[in-house]
Amino acid sequence: MGLSKEELEAVFSTRQTSFRLEQITAKYPERKIRILDMIGRRGRAAIMAIVGFVILYFAIRKSPGPESLALGIQNNFFESIMFGWWMIGTYYSNGILGKVTYGAQARIIDGRLARANCLLIGTLWGMFKFVMIPIGMQLGAVFSAQYYAVLFLFIWLSYLAGDTLSEVVGSLWGRQKLRVWGVGEVNRKSVEGTVACFLGAFLVCLWGVYSHDLSPAWLVLGLVIAFSNTVVGLWSPRGTDDLLLATSNALLCLGFGVWFL
């Protein structure tokens, strides 16, 4: 995009003093800024998450166990707590630690609130680890082992696919017309990204239904989850959607198991 050295320093800083978003948007097109933000955040986090979740999915499909529905997170409480404190400790750092922790994740378009947005996401994700354990255990009690892999797919991979496609499509082709709430100086989403969220989540569920040879009722569940991902992703405040999307998917699957199986 052609950012100068001084602008890069400001972007990777805490942005509490010298950063002015209006100066950046006056000099560079907003679409280019959003594409750069998307590459920085999704290029690292989404690729690692997709690879990790796909590996977990095939491992669960091969050797299903009730603990797999909680993503094994009961074993890493300490990691969650330490990561939260690490993000708090480096929040005001303009040195290498702050840049490594927040650099690529802090969107330019979020302005001075970029690190606050990242901290909110990290904090809520750590909170979700405590929420998912009882839900995962309930899922294990309701569903038999043959469904564990597809449940993992419906809960985690559908949310990840929808959320990632939403930002990628919205950044590349979206017209940012939909005003939303969130932690950031600019809070808008696009119709194109919203539609991509639905399609991404539904296609993952559709593949799961046919690859596991499930009944049409599961296809209906996939449609409901895709619709839920779209609505929750659109109406939830930016920064809270990771927690709300995965939780709503898990609760929908649990309700489906209780009422229809």
C-alpha atoms as a PDB file:
ATOM      1  CA  MET A   1       0.000   0.000   0.000  1.00  0.00           C
ATOM      2  CA  GLY A   2       3.040   2.230   0.275  1.00  0.00           C
ATOM      3  CA  LEU A   3       3.020   3.229   3.947  1.00  0.00           C
ATOM      4  CA  SER A   4       5.977   5.366   4.925  1.00  0.00           C
ATOM      5  CA  LYS A   5       8.382   4.367   7.698  1.00  0.00           C
ATOM      6  CA  GLU A   6       6.786   6.905  10.024  1.00  0.00           C
ATOM      7  CA  GLU A   7       3.300   5.604   9.243  1.00  0.00           C
ATOM      8  CA  LEU A   8       4.379   2.012   9.874  1.00  0.00           C
ATOM      9  CA  GLU A   9       5.849   3.026  13.212  1.00  0.00           C
ATOM     10  CA  ALA A  10       2.574   4.695  14.133  1.00  0.00           C
ATOM     11  CA  VAL A  11       0.525   1.657  13.012  1.00  0.00           C
ATOM     12  CA  PHE A  12       2.598  -0.775  15.095  1.00  0.00           C
ATOM     13  CA  SER A  13       2.638   1.509  18.147  1.00  0.00           C
ATOM     14  CA  THR A  14       0.029   1.773  20.885  1.00  0.00           C
ATOM     15  CA  ARG A  15      -1.534   4.595  18.773  1.00  0.00           C
ATOM     16  CA  GLN A  16      -2.258   6.597  21.897  1.00  0.00           C
ATOM     17  CA  THR A  17      -0.457   9.764  20.801  1.00  0.00           C
ATOM     18  CA  SER A  18       0.700  10.321  17.223  1.00  0.00           C
ATOM     19  CA  PHE A  19      -1.742   8.111  15.291  1.00  0.00           C
ATOM     20  CA  ARG A  20      -4.586   9.770  13.393  1.00  0.00           C
ATOM     21  CA  LEU A  21      -6.822   7.483  11.362  1.00  0.00           C
ATOM     22  CA  GLU A  22      -8.294  10.361   9.364  1.00  0.00           C
ATOM     23  CA  GLN A  23      -4.829  11.164   8.012  1.00  0.00           C
ATOM     24  CA  ILE A  24      -4.364   7.582   6.811  1.00  0.00           C
ATOM     25  CA  THR A  25      -7.820   7.363   5.189  1.00  0.00           C
ATOM     26  CA  ALA A  26      -7.314  10.748   3.516  1.00  0.00           C
ATOM     27  CA  LYS A  27      -4.099   9.496   1.908  1.00  0.00           C
ATOM     28  CA  TYR A  28      -5.035   5.883   1.065  1.00  0.00           C
ATOM     29  CA  PRO A  29      -8.308   4.302  -0.190  1.00  0.00           C
ATOM     30  CA  GLU A  30     -10.285   2.564   2.543  1.00  0.00           C
ATOM     31  CA  ARG A  31     -10.557  -0.624   0.463  1.00  0.00           C
ATOM     32  CA  LYS A  32      -6.762  -0.939   0.316  1.00  0.00           C
ATOM     33  CA  ILE A  33      -6.557  -0.371   4.064  1.00  0.00           C
ATOM     34  CA  ARG A  34      -9.145  -3.096   4.692  1.00  0.00           C
ATOM     35  CA  ILE A  35      -7.351  -5.525   2.374  1.00  0.00           C
ATOM     36  CA  LEU A  36      -4.088  -4.902   4.211  1.00  0.00           C
ATOM     37  CA  ASP A  37      -5.845  -5.420   7.549  1.00  0.00           C
ATOM     38  CA  MET A  38      -7.427  -8.634   6.278  1.00  0.00           C
ATOM     39  CA  ILE A  39      -4.099 -10.038   5.094  1.00  0.00           C
ATOM     40  CA  GLY A  40      -2.408  -9.132   8.362  1.00  0.00           C
ATOM     41  CA  ARG A  41      -5.052 -10.698  10.587  1.00  0.00           C
ATOM     42  CA  ARG A  42      -6.420 -13.588   8.526  1.00  0.00           C
ATOM     43  CA  GLY A  43      -3.142 -14.413   6.846  1.00  0.00           C
ATOM     44  CA  ARG A  44      -1.721 -15.514  10.176  1.00  0.00           C
ATOM     45  CA  ALA A  45      -4.585 -16.430  12.474  1.00  0.00           C
ATOM     46  CA  ALA A  46      -7.043 -17.992  10.014  1.00  0.00           C
ATOM     47  CA  ILE A  47      -4.517 -20.191   8.244  1.00  0.00           C
ATOM     48  CA  MET A  48      -3.138 -21.524  11.512  1.00  0.00           C
ATOM     49  CA  ALA A  49      -6.639 -22.074  12.901  1.00  0.00           C
ATOM     50  CA  ILE A  50      -7.915 -23.822   9.778  1.00  0.00           C
ATOM     51  CA  VAL A  51      -4.948 -26.179   9.629  1.00  0.00           C
ATOM     52  CA  GLY A  52      -5.221 -26.914  13.358  1.00  0.00           C
ATOM     53  CA  PHE A  53      -8.974 -27.474  13.285  1.00  0.00           C
ATOM     54  CA  VAL A  54      -8.822 -29.708  10.198  1.00  0.00           C
ATOM     55  CA  ILE A  55      -6.162 -31.864  11.857  1.00  0.00           C
ATOM     56  CA  LEU A  56      -8.313 -32.056  15.000  1.00  0.00           C
ATOM     57  CA  TYR A  57     -11.383 -32.932  12.948  1.00  0.00           C
ATOM     58  CA  PHE A  58      -9.729 -35.938  11.304  1.00  0.00           C
ATOM     59  CA  ALA A  59      -8.211 -37.006  14.639  1.00  0.00           C
ATOM     60  CA  ILE A  60     -11.658 -36.925  16.268  1.00  0.00           C
ATOM     61  CA  ARG A  61     -13.176 -38.775  13.315  1.00  0.00           C
ATOM     62  CA  LYS A  62     -10.565 -41.496  13.759  1.00  0.00           C
ATOM     63  CA  SER A  63     -10.683 -41.724  17.565  1.00  0.00           C
ATOM     64  CA  PRO A  64     -13.763 -39.914  18.973  1.00  0.00           C
ATOM     65  CA  GLY A  65     -13.945 -39.137  22.683  1.00  0.00           C
ATOM     66  CA  PRO A  66     -16.236 -36.933  24.802  1.00  0.00           C
ATOM     67  CA  GLU A  67     -13.357 -34.610  25.668  1.00  0.00           C
ATOM     68  CA  SER A  68     -12.944 -33.764  21.964  1.00  0.00           C
ATOM     69  CA  LEU A  69     -16.209 -31.793  22.005  1.00  0.00           C
ATOM     70  CA  ALA A  70     -14.633 -29.391  24.467  1.00  0.00           C
ATOM     71  CA  LEU A  71     -11.645 -29.068  22.121  1.00  0.00           C
ATOM     72  CA  GLY A  72      -9.393 -30.420  24.873  1.00  0.00           C
ATOM     73  CA  ILE A  73      -9.468 -26.977  26.460  1.00  0.00           C
ATOM     74  CA  GLN A  74      -9.887 -28.408  29.941  1.00  0.00           C
ATOM     75  CA  ASN A  75      -6.159 -29.127  29.740  1.00  0.00           C
ATOM     76  CA  ASN A  76      -4.991 -25.568  29.062  1.00  0.00           C
ATOM     77  CA  PHE A  77      -6.561 -23.298  31.660  1.00  0.00           C
ATOM     78  CA  PHE A  78      -3.087 -22.132  32.642  1.00  0.00           C
ATOM     79  CA  GLU A  79      -2.249 -21.219  29.033  1.00  0.00           C
ATOM     80  CA  SER A  80      -5.456 -19.183  28.784  1.00  0.00           C
ATOM     81  CA  ILE A  81      -4.746 -17.255  31.984  1.00  0.00           C
ATOM     82  CA  MET A  82      -1.113 -16.589  31.065  1.00  0.00           C
ATOM     83  CA  PHE A  83      -2.034 -15.455  27.559  1.00  0.00           C
ATOM     84  CA  GLY A  84      -4.564 -13.004  28.983  1.00  0.00           C
ATOM     85  CA  TRP A  85      -2.018 -11.511  31.358  1.00  0.00           C
ATOM     86  CA  TRP A  86       0.561 -11.366  28.550  1.00  0.00           C
ATOM     87  CA  MET A  87      -1.803  -9.303  26.399  1.00  0.00           C
ATOM     88  CA  ILE A  88      -2.530  -6.963  29.293  1.00  0.00           C
ATOM     89  CA  GLY A  89       1.176  -6.651  30.119  1.00  0.00           C
ATOM     90  CA  THR A  90       2.165  -5.723  26.563  1.00  0.00           C
ATOM     91  CA  TYR A  91      -0.832  -3.492  25.834  1.00  0.00           C
ATOM     92  CA  TYR A  92       1.047  -0.206  26.328  1.00  0.00           C
ATOM     93  CA  SER A  93       4.351  -1.447  24.928  1.00  0.00           C
ATOM     94  CA  ASN A  94       5.831   0.302  21.899  1.00  0.00           C
ATOM     95  CA  GLY A  95       8.773  -2.105  21.924  1.00  0.00           C
ATOM     96  CA  ILE A  96       9.292  -5.433  20.227  1.00  0.00           C
ATOM     97  CA  LEU A  97       6.985  -7.329  22.613  1.00  0.00           C
ATOM     98  CA  GLY A  98       4.043  -5.058  21.946  1.00  0.00           C
ATOM     99  CA  LYS A  99       4.630  -5.137  18.200  1.00  0.00           C
ATOM    100  CA  VAL A 100       4.896  -8.929  18.099  1.00  0.00           C
ATOM    101  CA  THR A 101       1.784  -9.424  20.256  1.00  0.00           C
ATOM    102  CA  TYR A 102      -0.483  -6.873  18.585  1.00  0.00           C
ATOM    103  CA  GLY A 103       1.218  -5.911  15.310  1.00  0.00           C
ATOM    104  CA  ALA A 104      -0.538  -7.876  12.555  1.00  0.00           C
ATOM    105  CA  GLN A 105      -3.717  -8.352  14.605  1.00  0.00           C
ATOM    106  CA  ALA A 106      -4.333  -4.642  15.219  1.00  0.00           C
ATOM    107  CA  ARG A 107      -6.306  -3.396  12.229  1.00  0.00           C
ATOM    108  CA  ILE A 108      -5.401   0.012  10.836  1.00  0.00           C
ATOM    109  CA  ILE A 109      -9.099   0.809  10.305  1.00  0.00           C
ATOM    110  CA  ASP A 110      -9.771   0.399  14.045  1.00  0.00           C
ATOM    111  CA  GLY A 111      -7.631   3.454  14.712  1.00  0.00           C
ATOM    112  CA  ARG A 112      -6.646   4.153  18.306  1.00  0.00           C
ATOM    113  CA  LEU A 113      -8.912   1.337  19.507  1.00  0.00           C
ATOM    114  CA  ALA A 114      -7.119  -1.386  17.523  1.00  0.00           C
ATOM    115  CA  ARG A 115      -5.285  -2.896  20.482  1.00  0.00           C
ATOM    116  CA  ALA A 116      -8.411  -2.655  22.612  1.00  0.00           C
ATOM    117  CA  ASN A 117     -10.227  -4.682  19.945  1.00  0.00           C
ATOM    118  CA  CYS A 118      -7.511  -7.359  20.020  1.00  0.00           C
ATOM    119  CA  LEU A 119      -7.498  -7.440  23.820  1.00  0.00           C
ATOM    120  CA  LEU A 120     -11.289  -7.849  23.882  1.00  0.00           C
ATOM    121  CA  ILE A 121     -11.119 -10.751  21.414  1.00  0.00           C
ATOM    122  CA  GLY A 122      -8.358 -12.480  23.385  1.00  0.00           C
ATOM    123  CA  THR A 123     -10.140 -11.986  26.713  1.00  0.00           C
ATOM    124  CA  LEU A 124     -13.479 -13.307  25.443  1.00  0.00           C
ATOM    125  CA  TRP A 125     -11.777 -16.260  23.774  1.00  0.00           C
ATOM    126  CA  GLY A 126     -10.176 -17.142  27.101  1.00  0.00           C
ATOM    127  CA  MET A 127     -13.595 -16.815  28.752  1.00  0.00           C
ATOM    128  CA  PHE A 128     -15.104 -19.102  26.127  1.00  0.00           C
ATOM    129  CA  LYS A 129     -12.729 -21.879  27.155  1.00  0.00           C
ATOM    130  CA  PHE A 130     -14.459 -21.925  30.527  1.00  0.00           C
ATOM    131  CA  VAL A 131     -17.903 -21.859  28.879  1.00  0.00           C
ATOM    132  CA  MET A 132     -17.290 -24.648  26.380  1.00  0.00           C
ATOM    133  CA  ILE A 133     -16.282 -27.328  28.885  1.00  0.00           C
ATOM    134  CA  PRO A 134     -19.752 -27.850  30.454  1.00  0.00           C
ATOM    135  CA  ILE A 135     -21.400 -27.493  27.028  1.00  0.00           C
ATOM    136  CA  GLY A 136     -18.991 -30.021  25.544  1.00  0.00           C
ATOM    137  CA  MET A 137     -19.676 -32.491  28.331  1.00  0.00           C
ATOM    138  CA  GLN A 138     -23.417 -32.143  27.788  1.00  0.00           C
ATOM    139  CA  LEU A 139     -22.939 -32.739  24.064  1.00  0.00           C
ATOM    140  CA  GLY A 140     -20.971 -35.874  24.887  1.00  0.00           C
ATOM    141  CA  ALA A 141     -23.837 -37.117  27.046  1.00  0.00           C
ATOM    142  CA  VAL A 142     -26.516 -36.447  24.415  1.00  0.00           C
ATOM    143  CA  PHE A 143     -24.743 -37.636  21.259  1.00  0.00           C
ATOM    144  CA  SER A 144     -23.089 -40.988  20.605  1.00  0.00           C
ATOM    145  CA  ALA A 145     -19.437 -41.160  19.566  1.00  0.00           C
ATOM    146  CA  GLN A 146     -20.257 -41.543  15.869  1.00  0.00           C
ATOM    147  CA  TYR A 147     -21.447 -37.917  15.808  1.00  0.00           C
ATOM    148  CA  TYR A 148     -18.487 -36.295  17.596  1.00  0.00           C
ATOM    149  CA  ALA A 149     -16.550 -35.455  14.431  1.00  0.00           C
ATOM    150  CA  VAL A 150     -19.515 -33.890  12.646  1.00  0.00           C
ATOM    151  CA  LEU A 151     -20.417 -31.921  15.777  1.00  0.00           C
ATOM    152  CA  PHE A 152     -16.884 -30.549  15.863  1.00  0.00           C
ATOM    153  CA  LEU A 153     -17.320 -29.586  12.213  1.00  0.00           C
ATOM    154  CA  PHE A 154     -20.722 -27.941  12.770  1.00  0.00           C
ATOM    155  CA  ILE A 155     -19.552 -25.984  15.819  1.00  0.00           C
ATOM    156  CA  TRP A 156     -15.989 -24.973  14.987  1.00  0.00           C
ATOM    157  CA  LEU A 157     -15.218 -25.301  11.277  1.00  0.00           C
ATOM    158  CA  SER A 158     -18.516 -23.756  10.165  1.00  0.00           C
ATOM    159  CA  TYR A 159     -17.922 -20.724  12.369  1.00  0.00           C
ATOM    160  CA  LEU A 160     -14.303 -20.403  11.217  1.00  0.00           C
ATOM    161  CA  ALA A 161     -15.224 -20.709   7.525  1.00  0.00           C
ATOM    162  CA  GLY A 162     -18.062 -18.203   7.768  1.00  0.00           C
ATOM    163  CA  ASP A 163     -16.093 -15.682   9.814  1.00  0.00           C
ATOM    164  CA  THR A 164     -13.033 -15.886   7.556  1.00  0.00           C
ATOM    165  CA  LEU A 165     -14.937 -15.675   4.272  1.00  0.00           C
ATOM    166  CA  SER A 166     -16.942 -12.764   5.625  1.00  0.00           C
ATOM    167  CA  GLU A 167     -13.822 -10.659   6.164  1.00  0.00           C
ATOM    168  CA  VAL A 168     -12.028 -11.792   2.999  1.00  0.00           C
ATOM    169  CA  VAL A 169     -14.984 -11.167   0.668  1.00  0.00           C
ATOM    170  CA  GLY A 170     -16.027  -8.017   2.507  1.00  0.00           C
ATOM    171  CA  SER A 171     -12.502  -6.556   2.252  1.00  0.00           C
ATOM    172  CA  LEU A 172     -11.956  -7.439  -1.413  1.00  0.00           C
ATOM    173  CA  TRP A 173     -15.394  -6.767  -2.923  1.00  0.00           C
ATOM    174  CA  GLY A 174     -17.682  -5.472  -0.199  1.00  0.00           C
ATOM    175  CA  ARG A 175     -19.251  -2.055   0.015  1.00  0.00           C
ATOM    176  CA  GLN A 176     -19.112  -1.149   3.668  1.00  0.00           C
ATOM    177  CA  LYS A 177     -22.637   0.196   4.091  1.00  0.00           C
ATOM    178  CA  LEU A 178     -23.924  -1.689   7.144  1.00  0.00           C
ATOM    179  CA  ARG A 179     -23.235   0.181  10.367  1.00  0.00           C
ATOM    180  CA  VAL A 180     -22.591  -2.049  13.367  1.00  0.00           C
ATOM    181  CA  TRP A 181     -21.496  -1.713  16.964  1.00  0.00           C
ATOM    182  CA  GLY A 182     -17.961  -2.518  18.001  1.00  0.00           C
ATOM    183  CA  VAL A 183     -14.625  -1.553  19.474  1.00  0.00           C
ATOM    184  CA  GLY A 184     -13.023   0.467  16.679  1.00  0.00           C
ATOM    185  CA  GLU A 185     -13.107   3.927  15.180  1.00  0.00           C
ATOM    186  CA  VAL A 186     -14.834   2.621  12.034  1.00  0.00           C
ATOM    187  CA  ASN A 187     -17.549  -0.004  12.515  1.00  0.00           C
ATOM    188  CA  ARG A 188     -19.110  -1.038   9.224  1.00  0.00           C
ATOM    189  CA  LYS A 189     -19.760  -4.321   7.430  1.00  0.00           C
ATOM    190  CA  SER A 190     -20.873  -5.222   3.919  1.00  0.00           C
ATOM    191  CA  VAL A 191     -23.768  -7.153   2.415  1.00  0.00           C
ATOM    192  CA  GLU A 192     -21.281  -9.126   0.328  1.00  0.00           C
ATOM    193  CA  GLY A 193     -19.331 -10.209   3.403  1.00  0.00           C
ATOM    194  CA  THR A 194     -22.541 -11.091   5.229  1.00  0.00           C
ATOM    195  CA  VAL A 195     -23.710 -13.333   2.373  1.00  0.00           C
ATOM    196  CA  ALA A 196     -20.246 -14.948   2.251  1.00  0.00           C
ATOM    197  CA  CYS A 197     -20.541 -15.744   5.962  1.00  0.00           C
ATOM    198  CA  PHE A 198     -23.772 -17.663   5.354  1.00  0.00           C
ATOM    199  CA  LEU A 199     -22.419 -19.536   2.341  1.00  0.00           C
ATOM    200  CA  GLY A 200     -19.145 -20.459   4.043  1.00  0.00           C
ATOM    201  CA  ALA A 201     -20.827 -21.855   7.140  1.00  0.00           C
ATOM    202  CA  PHE A 202     -23.531 -23.684   5.175  1.00  0.00           C
ATOM    203  CA  LEU A 203     -21.132 -25.290   2.694  1.00  0.00           C
ATOM    204  CA  VAL A 204     -19.060 -26.697   5.544  1.00  0.00           C
ATOM    205  CA  CYS A 205     -22.197 -28.141   7.160  1.00  0.00           C
ATOM    206  CA  LEU A 206     -23.414 -29.450   3.795  1.00  0.00           C
ATOM    207  CA  TRP A 207     -20.122 -31.255   3.244  1.00  0.00           C
ATOM    208  CA  GLY A 208     -20.375 -32.694   6.751  1.00  0.00           C
ATOM    209  CA  VAL A 209     -23.889 -34.035   6.159  1.00  0.00           C
ATOM    210  CA  TYR A 210     -22.980 -35.805   2.924  1.00  0.00           C
ATOM    211  CA  SER A 211     -19.534 -37.031   3.983  1.00  0.00           C
ATOM    212  CA  HIS A 212     -21.028 -38.596   7.128  1.00  0.00           C
ATOM    213  CA  ASP A 213     -24.174 -39.849   5.342  1.00  0.00           C
ATOM    214  CA  LEU A 214     -26.519 -38.102   7.781  1.00  0.00           C
ATOM    215  CA  SER A 215     -30.278 -37.642   7.624  1.00  0.00           C
ATOM    216  CA  PRO A 216     -31.963 -34.528   6.129  1.00  0.00           C
ATOM    217  CA  ALA A 217     -32.600 -33.288   9.672  1.00  0.00           C
ATOM    218  CA  TRP A 218     -28.878 -32.554   9.949  1.00  0.00           C
ATOM    219  CA  LEU A 219     -29.074 -30.512   6.764  1.00  0.00           C
ATOM    220  CA  VAL A 220     -31.774 -28.395   8.381  1.00  0.00           C
ATOM    221  CA  LEU A 221     -29.484 -27.959  11.398  1.00  0.00           C
ATOM    222  CA  GLY A 222     -26.736 -26.829   9.022  1.00  0.00           C
ATOM    223  CA  LEU A 223     -29.065 -24.200   7.535  1.00  0.00           C
ATOM    224  CA  VAL A 224     -30.014 -22.983  10.999  1.00  0.00           C
ATOM    225  CA  ILE A 225     -26.361 -22.756  12.048  1.00  0.00           C
ATOM    226  CA  ALA A 226     -25.428 -20.878   8.861  1.00  0.00           C
ATOM    227  CA  PHE A 227     -28.315 -18.452   9.403  1.00  0.00           C
ATOM    228  CA  SER A 228     -27.380 -18.055  13.064  1.00  0.00           C
ATOM    229  CA  ASN A 229     -23.739 -17.357  12.166  1.00  0.00           C
ATOM    230  CA  THR A 230     -24.871 -14.688   9.721  1.00  0.00           C
ATOM    231  CA  VAL A 231     -27.249 -12.939  12.128  1.00  0.00           C
ATOM    232  CA  VAL A 232     -24.979 -13.184  15.166  1.00  0.00           C
ATOM    233  CA  GLY A 233     -21.951 -12.076  13.137  1.00  0.00           C
ATOM    234  CA  LEU A 234     -23.869  -9.076  11.808  1.00  0.00           C
ATOM    235  CA  TRP A 235     -25.556  -7.910  15.004  1.00  0.00           C
ATOM    236  CA  SER A 236     -22.989  -8.769  17.660  1.00  0.00           C
ATOM    237  CA  PRO A 237     -20.562  -5.958  18.549  1.00  0.00           C
ATOM    238  CA  ARG A 238     -17.270  -6.302  16.684  1.00  0.00           C
ATOM    239  CA  GLY A 239     -14.784  -8.167  18.852  1.00  0.00           C
ATOM    240  CA  THR A 240     -17.418 -10.346  20.535  1.00  0.00           C
ATOM    241  CA  ASP A 241     -18.391 -12.519  17.563  1.00  0.00           C
ATOM    242  CA  ASP A 242     -15.797 -15.265  18.214  1.00  0.00           C
ATOM    243  CA  LEU A 243     -17.346 -15.983  21.604  1.00  0.00           C
ATOM    244  CA  LEU A 244     -20.964 -15.612  20.473  1.00  0.00           C
ATOM    245  CA  LEU A 245     -20.686 -17.570  17.214  1.00  0.00           C
ATOM    246  CA  ALA A 246     -19.038 -20.657  18.685  1.00  0.00           C
ATOM    247  CA  THR A 247     -21.300 -20.616  21.750  1.00  0.00           C
ATOM    248  CA  SER A 248     -24.495 -20.263  19.696  1.00  0.00           C
ATOM    249  CA  ASN A 249     -23.381 -23.091  17.377  1.00  0.00           C
ATOM    250  CA  ALA A 250     -22.733 -25.382  20.333  1.00  0.00           C
ATOM    251  CA  LEU A 251     -26.081 -24.569  21.947  1.00  0.00           C
ATOM    252  CA  LEU A 252     -27.941 -25.134  18.670  1.00  0.00           C
ATOM    253  CA  CYS A 253     -26.311 -28.556  18.319  1.00  0.00           C
ATOM    254  CA  LEU A 254     -27.157 -29.379  21.920  1.00  0.00           C
ATOM    255  CA  GLY A 255     -30.793 -28.364  21.405  1.00  0.00           C
ATOM    256  CA  PHE A 256     -30.943 -30.417  18.228  1.00  0.00           C
ATOM    257  CA  GLY A 257     -29.666 -33.475  20.071  1.00  0.00           C
ATOM    258  CA  VAL A 258     -32.084 -33.061  22.978  1.00  0.00           C
ATOM    259  CA  TRP A 259     -35.181 -32.460  20.875  1.00  0.00           C
ATOM    260  CA  PHE A 260     -34.651 -34.479  17.712  1.00  0.00           C
ATOM    261  CA  LEU A 261     -32.384 -37.430  18.524  1.00  0.00           C
END
